[in-house]
PDB file of N, CA and C in Angstrom:
ATOM      1  N   UNK A   1      15.028   4.155   0.471  1.00  0.00           N
ATOM      2  CA  UNK A   1      13.585   4.757   1.226  1.00  0.00           C
ATOM      3  C   UNK A   1      13.538   5.773   0.432  1.00  0.00           C
ATOM      4  N   UNK A   2      12.554   6.721   0.282  1.00  0.00           N
ATOM      5  CA  UNK A   2      12.261   7.998  -0.430  1.00  0.00           C
ATOM      6  C   UNK A   2      11.636   8.663   0.794  1.00  0.00           C
ATOM      7  N   UNK A   3      11.653   9.910   1.287  1.00  0.00           N
ATOM      8  CA  UNK A   3      10.923  10.567   1.967  1.00  0.00           C
ATOM      9  C   UNK A   3       9.896  11.459   1.099  1.00  0.00           C
ATOM     10  N   UNK A   4       9.020  11.756   1.418  1.00  0.00           N
ATOM     11  CA  UNK A   4       7.917  11.991   1.152  1.00  0.00           C
ATOM     12  C   UNK A   4       6.456  12.533   2.069  1.00  0.00           C
ATOM     13  N   UNK A   5       6.558  14.038   2.012  1.00  0.00           N
ATOM     14  CA  UNK A   5       5.595  14.574   2.978  1.00  0.00           C
ATOM     15  C   UNK A   5       5.850  14.238   4.776  1.00  0.00           C
ATOM     16  N   UNK A   6       7.249  14.026   5.006  1.00  0.00           N
ATOM     17  CA  UNK A   6       7.950  13.508   6.339  1.00  0.00           C
ATOM     18  C   UNK A   6       7.506  12.129   6.450  1.00  0.00           C
ATOM     19  N   UNK A   7       7.135  11.501   5.678  1.00  0.00           N
ATOM     20  CA  UNK A   7       7.023  10.208   5.676  1.00  0.00           C
ATOM     21  C   UNK A   7       8.029   9.143   4.855  1.00  0.00           C
ATOM     22  N   UNK A   8       8.775   8.155   5.581  1.00  0.00           N
ATOM     23  CA  UNK A   8       9.791   7.888   4.801  1.00  0.00           C
ATOM     24  C   UNK A   8       9.268   5.885   4.203  1.00  0.00           C
ATOM     25  N   UNK A   9       9.051   5.937   3.147  1.00  0.00           N
ATOM     26  CA  UNK A   9       8.033   4.642   2.572  1.00  0.00           C
ATOM     27  C   UNK A   9       9.439   3.870   1.779  1.00  0.00           C
ATOM     28  N   UNK A  10       9.106   2.663   1.680  1.00  0.00           N
ATOM     29  CA  UNK A  10      10.093   1.450   1.020  1.00  0.00           C
ATOM     30  C   UNK A  10       9.490   1.415  -0.426  1.00  0.00           C
ATOM     31  N   UNK A  11      10.364   1.793  -1.264  1.00  0.00           N
ATOM     32  CA  UNK A  11       9.647   1.846  -2.537  1.00  0.00           C
ATOM     33  C   UNK A  11       9.902   0.106  -3.550  1.00  0.00           C
ATOM     34  N   UNK A  12       8.868  -0.769  -3.442  1.00  0.00           N
ATOM     35  CA  UNK A  12       9.378  -2.065  -3.844  1.00  0.00           C
ATOM     36  C   UNK A  12       8.252  -2.387  -4.751  1.00  0.00           C
ATOM     37  N   UNK A  13       7.808  -1.784  -5.608  1.00  0.00           N
ATOM     38  CA  UNK A  13       6.786  -1.818  -6.435  1.00  0.00           C
ATOM     39  C   UNK A  13       6.795  -1.409  -7.693  1.00  0.00           C
ATOM     40  N   UNK A  14       6.196  -1.668  -8.730  1.00  0.00           N
ATOM     41  CA  UNK A  14       6.710  -1.694 -10.106  1.00  0.00           C
ATOM     42  C   UNK A  14       6.406  -0.060 -10.090  1.00  0.00           C
ATOM     43  N   UNK A  15       4.786   0.250  -9.738  1.00  0.00           N
ATOM     44  CA  UNK A  15       4.821   1.464 -10.278  1.00  0.00           C
ATOM     45  C   UNK A  15       4.934   2.650  -9.068  1.00  0.00           C
ATOM     46  N   UNK A  16       4.866   3.672  -9.256  1.00  0.00           N
ATOM     47  CA  UNK A  16       4.930   4.878  -8.084  1.00  0.00           C
ATOM     48  C   UNK A  16       3.466   5.352  -7.866  1.00  0.00           C
ATOM     49  N   UNK A  17       2.921   4.820  -6.424  1.00  0.00           N
ATOM     50  CA  UNK A  17       1.525   5.627  -6.276  1.00  0.00           C
ATOM     51  C   UNK A  17       1.977   6.587  -5.190  1.00  0.00           C
ATOM     52  N   UNK A  18       3.121   6.730  -4.666  1.00  0.00           N
ATOM     53  CA  UNK A  18       3.115   8.279  -3.833  1.00  0.00           C
ATOM     54  C   UNK A  18       2.216   9.015  -4.280  1.00  0.00           C
ATOM     55  N   UNK A  19       1.765   9.244  -5.468  1.00  0.00           N
ATOM     56  CA  UNK A  19       0.599  10.286  -5.587  1.00  0.00           C
ATOM     57  C   UNK A  19      -0.834  10.346  -5.384  1.00  0.00           C
ATOM     58  N   UNK A  20      -0.768   9.237  -5.144  1.00  0.00           N
ATOM     59  CA  UNK A  20      -2.033   8.366  -4.575  1.00  0.00           C
ATOM     60  C   UNK A  20      -2.320   8.942  -3.375  1.00  0.00           C
ATOM     61  N   UNK A  21      -3.400  10.164  -3.257  1.00  0.00           N
ATOM     62  CA  UNK A  21      -3.531  10.810  -1.724  1.00  0.00           C
ATOM     63  C   UNK A  21      -4.428   9.899  -1.046  1.00  0.00           C
ATOM     64  N   UNK A  22      -4.990   9.086  -1.268  1.00  0.00           N
ATOM     65  CA  UNK A  22      -5.675   8.190   0.029  1.00  0.00           C
ATOM     66  C   UNK A  22      -4.437   7.593   0.681  1.00  0.00           C
ATOM     67  N   UNK A  23      -3.102   6.575  -0.224  1.00  0.00           N
ATOM     68  CA  UNK A  23      -2.409   5.964   1.053  1.00  0.00           C
ATOM     69  C   UNK A  23      -1.715   7.030   1.374  1.00  0.00           C
ATOM     70  N   UNK A  24      -1.388   8.141   0.818  1.00  0.00           N
ATOM     71  CA  UNK A  24      -0.681   9.056   1.434  1.00  0.00           C
ATOM     72  C   UNK A  24      -1.253   9.894   2.818  1.00  0.00           C
ATOM     73  N   UNK A  25      -2.394  10.046   2.513  1.00  0.00           N
ATOM     74  CA  UNK A  25      -3.113  10.673   3.641  1.00  0.00           C
ATOM     75  C   UNK A  25      -3.041   9.756   4.718  1.00  0.00           C
ATOM     76  N   UNK A  26      -3.538   8.289   4.346  1.00  0.00           N
ATOM     77  CA  UNK A  26      -3.333   7.256   5.335  1.00  0.00           C
ATOM     78  C   UNK A  26      -2.663   7.197   6.190  1.00  0.00           C
ATOM     79  N   UNK A  27      -1.313   6.591   5.720  1.00  0.00           N
ATOM     80  CA  UNK A  27      -0.225   7.056   6.016  1.00  0.00           C
ATOM     81  C   UNK A  27       0.500   8.166   7.056  1.00  0.00           C
ATOM     82  N   UNK A  28      -0.049   9.251   6.602  1.00  0.00           N
ATOM     83  CA  UNK A  28       0.253  10.291   7.735  1.00  0.00           C
ATOM     84  C   UNK A  28      -0.602  10.012   8.626  1.00  0.00           C
ATOM     85  N   UNK A  29      -1.903   9.963   8.597  1.00  0.00           N
ATOM     86  CA  UNK A  29      -2.554   9.644   9.609  1.00  0.00           C
ATOM     87  C   UNK A  29      -2.147   9.126  10.580  1.00  0.00           C
ATOM     88  N   UNK A  30      -1.662   7.339  10.131  1.00  0.00           N
ATOM     89  CA  UNK A  30      -1.122   6.893  11.445  1.00  0.00           C
ATOM     90  C   UNK A  30      -0.423   7.429  12.166  1.00  0.00           C
ATOM     91  N   UNK A  31       0.959   8.272  11.492  1.00  0.00           N
ATOM     92  CA  UNK A  31       2.088   8.600  11.876  1.00  0.00           C
ATOM     93  C   UNK A  31       1.824   9.701  12.612  1.00  0.00           C
ATOM     94  N   UNK A  32       0.828  10.953  12.621  1.00  0.00           N
ATOM     95  CA  UNK A  32       0.934  11.855  12.941  1.00  0.00           C
ATOM     96  C   UNK A  32      -0.243  12.061  14.171  1.00  0.00           C
ATOM     97  N   UNK A  33      -1.326  11.602  13.773  1.00  0.00           N
ATOM     98  CA  UNK A  33      -2.972  11.077  14.874  1.00  0.00           C
ATOM     99  C   UNK A  33      -2.776  10.314  15.646  1.00  0.00           C
ATOM    100  N   UNK A  34      -2.290   8.975  15.208  1.00  0.00           N
ATOM    101  CA  UNK A  34      -2.465   7.668  15.966  1.00  0.00           C
ATOM    102  C   UNK A  34      -0.902   7.534  16.667  1.00  0.00           C
ATOM    103  N   UNK A  35      -0.110   8.409  16.253  1.00  0.00           N
ATOM    104  CA  UNK A  35       1.476   8.058  16.884  1.00  0.00           C
ATOM    105  C   UNK A  35       2.301   6.843  16.773  1.00  0.00           C
ATOM    106  N   UNK A  36       2.102   6.162  14.960  1.00  0.00           N
ATOM    107  CA  UNK A  36       2.337   5.157  15.021  1.00  0.00           C
ATOM    108  C   UNK A  36       3.952   5.008  14.882  1.00  0.00           C
ATOM    109  N   UNK A  37       4.709   4.086  15.187  1.00  0.00           N
ATOM    110  CA  UNK A  37       6.365   3.818  14.866  1.00  0.00           C
ATOM    111  C   UNK A  37       6.387   4.085  13.121  1.00  0.00           C
ATOM    112  N   UNK A  38       7.564   4.372  13.187  1.00  0.00           N
ATOM    113  CA  UNK A  38       8.134   4.457  12.021  1.00  0.00           C
ATOM    114  C   UNK A  38       7.886   3.270  11.135  1.00  0.00           C
ATOM    115  N   UNK A  39       8.407   2.344  11.838  1.00  0.00           N
ATOM    116  CA  UNK A  39       8.504   0.462  11.142  1.00  0.00           C
ATOM    117  C   UNK A  39       7.481   0.618  10.584  1.00  0.00           C
ATOM    118  N   UNK A  40       6.031   0.520  11.419  1.00  0.00           N
ATOM    119  CA  UNK A  40       4.526   0.203  11.451  1.00  0.00           C
ATOM    120  C   UNK A  40       4.226   1.097  10.220  1.00  0.00           C
ATOM    121  N   UNK A  41       4.161   2.043   9.718  1.00  0.00           N
ATOM    122  CA  UNK A  41       4.129   3.091   8.805  1.00  0.00           C
ATOM    123  C   UNK A  41       5.031   2.605   7.781  1.00  0.00           C
ATOM    124  N   UNK A  42       5.956   2.381   7.661  1.00  0.00           N
ATOM    125  CA  UNK A  42       6.782   1.995   6.589  1.00  0.00           C
ATOM    126  C   UNK A  42       5.790   0.749   6.110  1.00  0.00           C
ATOM    127  N   UNK A  43       5.706  -0.120   6.819  1.00  0.00           N
ATOM    128  CA  UNK A  43       5.156  -1.651   6.628  1.00  0.00           C
ATOM    129  C   UNK A  43       3.546  -1.524   6.232  1.00  0.00           C
ATOM    130  N   UNK A  44       2.799  -0.860   6.543  1.00  0.00           N
ATOM    131  CA  UNK A  44       1.547  -0.616   6.117  1.00  0.00           C
ATOM    132  C   UNK A  44       1.996   0.216   5.107  1.00  0.00           C
ATOM    133  N   UNK A  45       2.718   0.938   4.653  1.00  0.00           N
ATOM    134  CA  UNK A  45       2.503   1.953   3.280  1.00  0.00           C
ATOM    135  C   UNK A  45       3.005   0.342   2.008  1.00  0.00           C
ATOM    136  N   UNK A  46       3.736  -0.153   2.661  1.00  0.00           N
ATOM    137  CA  UNK A  46       4.934  -1.376   1.767  1.00  0.00           C
ATOM    138  C   UNK A  46       3.562  -2.199   1.072  1.00  0.00           C
ATOM    139  N   UNK A  47       2.852  -2.619   2.404  1.00  0.00           N
ATOM    140  CA  UNK A  47       1.523  -3.604   1.950  1.00  0.00           C
ATOM    141  C   UNK A  47       0.567  -2.939   1.043  1.00  0.00           C
ATOM    142  N   UNK A  48       0.277  -1.778   1.210  1.00  0.00           N
ATOM    143  CA  UNK A  48      -0.681  -0.938   0.446  1.00  0.00           C
ATOM    144  C   UNK A  48      -0.690  -0.663  -0.905  1.00  0.00           C
ATOM    145  N   UNK A  49       0.881  -0.606  -1.303  1.00  0.00           N
ATOM    146  CA  UNK A  49       1.449  -0.104  -2.422  1.00  0.00           C
ATOM    147  C   UNK A  49       1.122  -1.504  -2.985  1.00  0.00           C
ATOM    148  N   UNK A  50       1.686  -2.834  -2.610  1.00  0.00           N
ATOM    149  CA  UNK A  50       1.722  -4.114  -3.104  1.00  0.00           C
ATOM    150  C   UNK A  50       0.462  -4.391  -3.490  1.00  0.00           C
ATOM    151  N   UNK A  51      -0.568  -4.226  -2.715  1.00  0.00           N
ATOM    152  CA  UNK A  51      -1.853  -4.273  -2.723  1.00  0.00           C
ATOM    153  C   UNK A  51      -2.419  -3.896  -4.244  1.00  0.00           C
ATOM    154  N   UNK A  52      -2.101  -2.256  -3.938  1.00  0.00           N
ATOM    155  CA  UNK A  52      -2.746  -1.905  -5.486  1.00  0.00           C
ATOM    156  C   UNK A  52      -1.700  -2.180  -6.829  1.00  0.00           C
ATOM    157  N   UNK A  53      -0.835  -2.416  -6.624  1.00  0.00           N
ATOM    158  CA  UNK A  53       0.114  -3.139  -7.198  1.00  0.00           C
ATOM    159  C   UNK A  53      -0.534  -4.587  -8.218  1.00  0.00           C
ATOM    160  N   UNK A  54      -0.703  -5.523  -7.430  1.00  0.00           N
ATOM    161  CA  UNK A  54      -1.474  -6.715  -7.541  1.00  0.00           C
ATOM    162  C   UNK A  54      -2.993  -6.399  -7.972  1.00  0.00           C
ATOM    163  N   UNK A  55      -4.113  -5.544  -7.458  1.00  0.00           N
ATOM    164  CA  UNK A  55      -5.359  -5.262  -8.175  1.00  0.00           C
ATOM    165  C   UNK A  55      -5.314  -4.721  -9.433  1.00  0.00           C
ATOM    166  N   UNK A  56      -3.971  -3.755  -9.788  1.00  0.00           N
ATOM    167  CA  UNK A  56      -4.125  -3.455 -10.656  1.00  0.00           C
ATOM    168  C   UNK A  56      -3.901  -4.106 -11.872  1.00  0.00           C
ATOM    169  N   UNK A  57      -2.661  -5.074 -11.432  1.00  0.00           N
ATOM    170  CA  UNK A  57      -2.175  -6.177 -12.351  1.00  0.00           C
ATOM    171  C   UNK A  57      -3.382  -7.264 -12.742  1.00  0.00           C
ATOM    172  N   UNK A  58      -4.146  -7.441 -12.175  1.00  0.00           N
ATOM    173  CA  UNK A  58      -5.262  -8.438 -11.977  1.00  0.00           C
ATOM    174  C   UNK A  58      -6.524  -7.966 -13.128  1.00  0.00           C
ATOM    175  N   UNK A  59      -7.078  -6.696 -12.501  1.00  0.00           N
ATOM    176  CA  UNK A  59      -7.869  -6.041 -13.370  1.00  0.00           C
ATOM    177  C   UNK A  59      -7.484  -5.105 -14.645  1.00  0.00           C
ATOM    178  N   UNK A  60      -6.016  -5.047 -14.974  1.00  0.00           N
ATOM    179  CA  UNK A  60      -5.726  -4.279 -15.911  1.00  0.00           C
ATOM    180  C   UNK A  60      -6.437  -3.560 -15.972  1.00  0.00           C
ATOM    181  N   UNK A  61      -6.601  -2.684 -15.287  1.00  0.00           N
ATOM    182  CA  UNK A  61      -6.902  -1.246 -15.505  1.00  0.00           C
ATOM    183  C   UNK A  61      -6.958  -0.211 -14.207  1.00  0.00           C
ATOM    184  N   UNK A  62      -7.349   1.365 -14.257  1.00  0.00           N
ATOM    185  CA  UNK A  62      -6.828   2.134 -13.040  1.00  0.00           C
ATOM    186  C   UNK A  62      -7.347   1.188 -11.822  1.00  0.00           C
ATOM    187  N   UNK A  63      -6.460   1.539 -10.869  1.00  0.00           N
ATOM    188  CA  UNK A  63      -6.759   1.319  -9.493  1.00  0.00           C
ATOM    189  C   UNK A  63      -7.804   2.198  -8.844  1.00  0.00           C
ATOM    190  N   UNK A  64      -8.835   1.852  -8.207  1.00  0.00           N
ATOM    191  CA  UNK A  64     -10.377   2.608  -7.672  1.00  0.00           C
ATOM    192  C   UNK A  64     -10.391   1.765  -6.360  1.00  0.00           C
ATOM    193  N   UNK A  65      -9.991   2.598  -5.274  1.00  0.00           N
ATOM    194  CA  UNK A  65     -10.074   1.643  -3.515  1.00  0.00           C
ATOM    195  C   UNK A  65     -11.478   1.622  -3.523  1.00  0.00           C
ATOM    196  N   UNK A  66     -12.362   2.322  -3.817  1.00  0.00           N
ATOM    197  CA  UNK A  66     -13.762   1.433  -3.548  1.00  0.00           C
ATOM    198  C   UNK A  66     -14.583   0.404  -4.364  1.00  0.00           C
ATOM    199  N   UNK A  67     -13.429   0.021  -5.450  1.00  0.00           N
ATOM    200  CA  UNK A  67     -13.940  -1.164  -6.235  1.00  0.00           C
ATOM    201  C   UNK A  67     -13.251  -2.651  -5.746  1.00  0.00           C
ATOM    202  N   UNK A  68     -12.229  -2.337  -4.873  1.00  0.00           N
ATOM    203  CA  UNK A  68     -11.516  -3.697  -4.230  1.00  0.00           C
ATOM    204  C   UNK A  68     -12.786  -4.432  -3.765  1.00  0.00           C
ATOM    205  N   UNK A  69     -12.671  -5.874  -4.041  1.00  0.00           N
ATOM    206  CA  UNK A  69     -13.585  -6.430  -3.537  1.00  0.00           C
ATOM    207  C   UNK A  69     -12.745  -7.732  -2.685  1.00  0.00           C
ATOM    208  N   UNK A  70     -13.495  -8.482  -1.486  1.00  0.00           N
ATOM    209  CA  UNK A  70     -13.349  -9.252  -0.764  1.00  0.00           C
ATOM    210  C   UNK A  70     -12.528 -10.059  -1.333  1.00  0.00           C
ATOM    211  N   UNK A  71     -12.787 -10.493  -3.089  1.00  0.00           N
ATOM    212  CA  UNK A  71     -11.901 -11.809  -3.285  1.00  0.00           C
ATOM    213  C   UNK A  71     -10.853 -11.465  -3.596  1.00  0.00           C
ATOM    214  N   UNK A  72     -10.830 -10.241  -4.258  1.00  0.00           N
ATOM    215  CA  UNK A  72      -9.244  -9.173  -4.219  1.00  0.00           C
ATOM    216  C   UNK A  72      -8.271  -9.369  -3.118  1.00  0.00           C
ATOM    217  N   UNK A  73      -8.715  -9.237  -1.898  1.00  0.00           N
ATOM    218  CA  UNK A  73      -7.935  -9.049  -1.033  1.00  0.00           C
ATOM    219  C   UNK A  73      -7.854 -10.515  -0.500  1.00  0.00           C
ATOM    220  N   UNK A  74      -8.464 -11.401  -0.677  1.00  0.00           N
ATOM    221  CA  UNK A  74      -8.139 -13.253  -0.328  1.00  0.00           C
ATOM    222  C   UNK A  74      -7.298 -13.588  -1.430  1.00  0.00           C
ATOM    223  N   UNK A  75      -7.618 -13.363  -2.835  1.00  0.00           N
ATOM    224  CA  UNK A  75      -6.278 -13.308  -3.771  1.00  0.00           C
ATOM    225  C   UNK A  75      -4.773 -13.200  -3.813  1.00  0.00           C
ATOM    226  N   UNK A  76      -4.733 -11.995  -2.791  1.00  0.00           N
ATOM    227  CA  UNK A  76      -3.689 -10.999  -2.590  1.00  0.00           C
ATOM    228  C   UNK A  76      -3.211 -11.526  -1.330  1.00  0.00           C
ATOM    229  N   UNK A  77      -4.059 -11.591  -0.559  1.00  0.00           N
ATOM    230  CA  UNK A  77      -3.567 -12.264   0.854  1.00  0.00           C
ATOM    231  C   UNK A  77      -2.452 -13.850   0.648  1.00  0.00           C
ATOM    232  N   UNK A  78      -3.298 -14.522  -0.407  1.00  0.00           N
ATOM    233  CA  UNK A  78      -2.993 -15.828  -0.434  1.00  0.00           C
ATOM    234  C   UNK A  78      -1.487 -15.951  -1.878  1.00  0.00           C
ATOM    235  N   UNK A  79      -1.510 -14.843  -2.340  1.00  0.00           N
ATOM    236  CA  UNK A  79      -0.214 -14.649  -3.194  1.00  0.00           C
ATOM    237  C   UNK A  79       0.953 -14.144  -2.059  1.00  0.00           C
ATOM    238  N   UNK A  80       0.634 -13.183  -1.293  1.00  0.00           N
ATOM    239  CA  UNK A  80       1.683 -13.308  -0.603  1.00  0.00           C
ATOM    240  C   UNK A  80       2.381 -14.034   0.180  1.00  0.00           C
ATOM    241  N   UNK A  81       0.924 -15.165   0.733  1.00  0.00           N
ATOM    242  CA  UNK A  81       1.828 -16.067   1.803  1.00  0.00           C
ATOM    243  C   UNK A  81       2.245 -16.905   0.908  1.00  0.00           C
ATOM    244  N   UNK A  82       1.627 -17.200  -0.232  1.00  0.00           N
ATOM    245  CA  UNK A  82       2.596 -18.248  -1.262  1.00  0.00           C
ATOM    246  C   UNK A  82       3.717 -17.730  -1.438  1.00  0.00           C
ATOM    247  N   UNK A  83       4.228 -16.541  -1.465  1.00  0.00           N
ATOM    248  CA  UNK A  83       5.410 -16.040  -1.317  1.00  0.00           C
ATOM    249  C   UNK A  83       6.361 -15.899  -0.050  1.00  0.00           C
ATOM    250  N   UNK A  84       5.797 -15.988   0.759  1.00  0.00           N
ATOM    251  CA  UNK A  84       6.321 -15.672   2.320  1.00  0.00           C
ATOM    252  C   UNK A  84       6.389 -14.727   2.691  1.00  0.00           C
ATOM    253  N   UNK A  85       5.742 -13.870   2.459  1.00  0.00           N
ATOM    254  CA  UNK A  85       5.438 -12.575   2.569  1.00  0.00           C
ATOM    255  C   UNK A  85       4.538 -11.994   3.765  1.00  0.00           C
TER     256      UNK A  85
END
C-alpha cells in the first residue's frame, strides 16, 4: 500500500494514476465528506485504477474520463467477471 494525501491505495495496476486529480479528489471526498470506511475507499480506488488501465489499453490513447462510454464500462465489467474479480 502507498499513502498519498491521507489515503491508502492498493497499487495493482500497470500505471501510476495517483497523479490523476479526478480519482484522488473522488477518493478524498468518499473518505472525508461521506466518511466511508478505509476498506471502501481502497476498493473504489482499486476499481477506478483498473478501469482507467483497461480503457487506456483498449483505446491506446490518453485516458479522458468524460470520453468513457457505456460500452467501455460494460466491456470492463465483463472482463472483471471473466477474471472472477
